[in-house]
């Protein structure tokens, strides 16, 4: 299952060329919420197990995957330090692709 997610990440990296791309496993607590009524709430329930975080110059793209390796959806977020900190604290890194300069 992790191989399927990494394969998707490699394809995404080669096609869209983000600055960096990370495959992360979601921990058991809430990773990220936005707003008073959260429009994005990623947590380790039976749906989301892995996320791919693609960092671009102006935004961050997050793809959610189930434990079977099925893509559940994607979400664009603003690229600021507080959002990145919340994502990093609620997940564990499994795979990383840096942008080649």
Protein backbone atom coordinates (compact mmCIF):
# COMPACT_ATOMS: atom_id res chain seq x y z
CA UNK A 1 0.00 0.00 0.00
CA UNK A 2 2.80 2.44 0.85
CA UNK A 3 4.40 1.56 -2.49
CA UNK A 4 1.24 2.70 -4.29
CA UNK A 5 1.28 6.04 -2.48
CA UNK A 6 5.00 6.55 -3.18
CA UNK A 7 4.45 5.71 -6.85
CA UNK A 8 1.72 8.38 -7.02
CA UNK A 9 4.07 10.84 -5.29
CA UNK A 10 6.89 10.19 -7.76
CA UNK A 11 4.53 10.71 -10.69
CA UNK A 12 3.19 13.92 -9.14
CA UNK A 13 6.75 15.16 -8.55
CA UNK A 14 7.88 14.45 -12.11
CA UNK A 15 4.77 15.99 -13.72
CA UNK A 16 4.16 19.10 -11.60
CA UNK A 17 7.66 19.86 -10.25
CA UNK A 18 7.00 21.06 -6.68
CA UNK A 19 9.87 22.35 -4.53
CA UNK A 20 9.54 19.25 -2.36
CA UNK A 21 7.19 16.33 -1.95
CA UNK A 22 6.74 14.23 1.18
CA UNK A 23 4.79 11.07 1.88
CA UNK A 24 3.64 11.14 5.51
CA UNK A 25 1.70 8.78 7.77
CA UNK A 26 -1.04 10.48 9.78
CA UNK A 27 -0.79 10.09 13.56
CA UNK A 28 -3.81 9.35 15.72
CA UNK A 29 -4.73 12.94 16.54
CA UNK A 30 -6.05 15.88 14.53
CA UNK A 31 -3.42 17.10 12.09
CA UNK A 32 -4.89 20.29 10.72
CA UNK A 33 -8.09 22.28 11.04
CA UNK A 34 -9.03 25.51 9.29
CA UNK A 35 -11.54 28.11 10.41
CA UNK A 36 -14.27 28.08 13.04
CA UNK A 37 -16.09 25.29 11.28
CA UNK A 38 -13.12 23.32 9.93
CA UNK A 39 -13.25 22.94 6.17
CA UNK A 40 -10.22 20.69 6.31
CA UNK A 41 -9.84 18.25 9.14
CA UNK A 42 -7.39 15.42 8.54
CA UNK A 43 -7.17 12.79 11.21
CA UNK A 44 -6.35 9.15 11.46
CA UNK A 45 -9.68 7.53 11.32
CA UNK A 46 -10.33 4.57 9.15
CA UNK A 47 -10.33 6.68 5.97
CA UNK A 48 -7.04 8.65 5.95
CA UNK A 49 -3.78 6.85 6.69
CA UNK A 50 -1.23 8.56 4.42
CA UNK A 51 -0.96 12.06 3.00
CA UNK A 52 1.27 13.49 0.31
CA UNK A 53 2.41 17.05 0.91
CA UNK A 54 3.56 18.86 -2.25
CA UNK A 55 5.12 22.26 -1.54
CA UNK A 56 4.92 24.92 -4.23
CA UNK A 57 5.99 28.59 -4.14
CA UNK A 58 2.54 29.99 -3.24
CA UNK A 59 0.63 27.04 -1.83
CA UNK A 60 0.75 23.52 -0.44
CA UNK A 61 -1.19 20.67 -2.05
CA UNK A 62 -2.24 17.80 0.24
CA UNK A 63 -3.50 14.48 -1.11
CA UNK A 64 -5.21 12.03 1.29
CA UNK A 65 -5.02 8.25 0.88
CA UNK A 66 -6.92 5.43 2.56
CA UNK A 67 -5.27 2.41 4.16
CA UNK A 68 -5.93 0.52 0.91
CA UNK A 69 -3.98 3.12 -1.10
CA UNK A 70 -7.04 4.76 -2.67
CA UNK A 71 -6.86 8.50 -3.31
CA UNK A 72 -9.52 10.21 -1.19
CA UNK A 73 -9.00 13.75 -2.45
CA UNK A 74 -6.75 16.78 -2.55
CA UNK A 75 -6.76 20.20 -0.91
CA UNK A 76 -4.81 23.42 -1.58
CA UNK A 77 -3.62 25.39 1.45
CA UNK A 78 -1.72 28.62 1.90
CA UNK A 79 2.03 28.29 2.32
CA UNK A 80 2.82 29.75 5.72
CA UNK A 81 4.90 28.50 8.68
CA UNK A 82 1.95 27.81 11.01
CA UNK A 83 0.25 25.49 8.50
CA UNK A 84 3.52 23.65 7.84
CA UNK A 85 4.17 23.28 11.57
CA UNK A 86 0.73 21.72 12.16
CA UNK A 87 1.22 19.25 9.32
CA UNK A 88 4.69 18.24 10.49
CA UNK A 89 3.66 17.80 14.12
CA UNK A 90 0.71 15.53 13.28
CA UNK A 91 2.45 13.22 10.82
CA UNK A 92 5.50 11.01 10.43
CA UNK A 93 7.77 11.26 7.37
CA UNK A 94 8.11 8.09 5.24
CA UNK A 95 9.45 9.39 1.91
CA UNK A 96 10.88 12.69 0.64
CA UNK A 97 11.72 14.05 -2.81
CA UNK A 98 13.70 17.31 -2.92
CA UNK A 99 13.64 19.59 -5.93
CA UNK A 100 16.84 19.31 -7.95
CA UNK A 101 18.50 22.66 -8.60
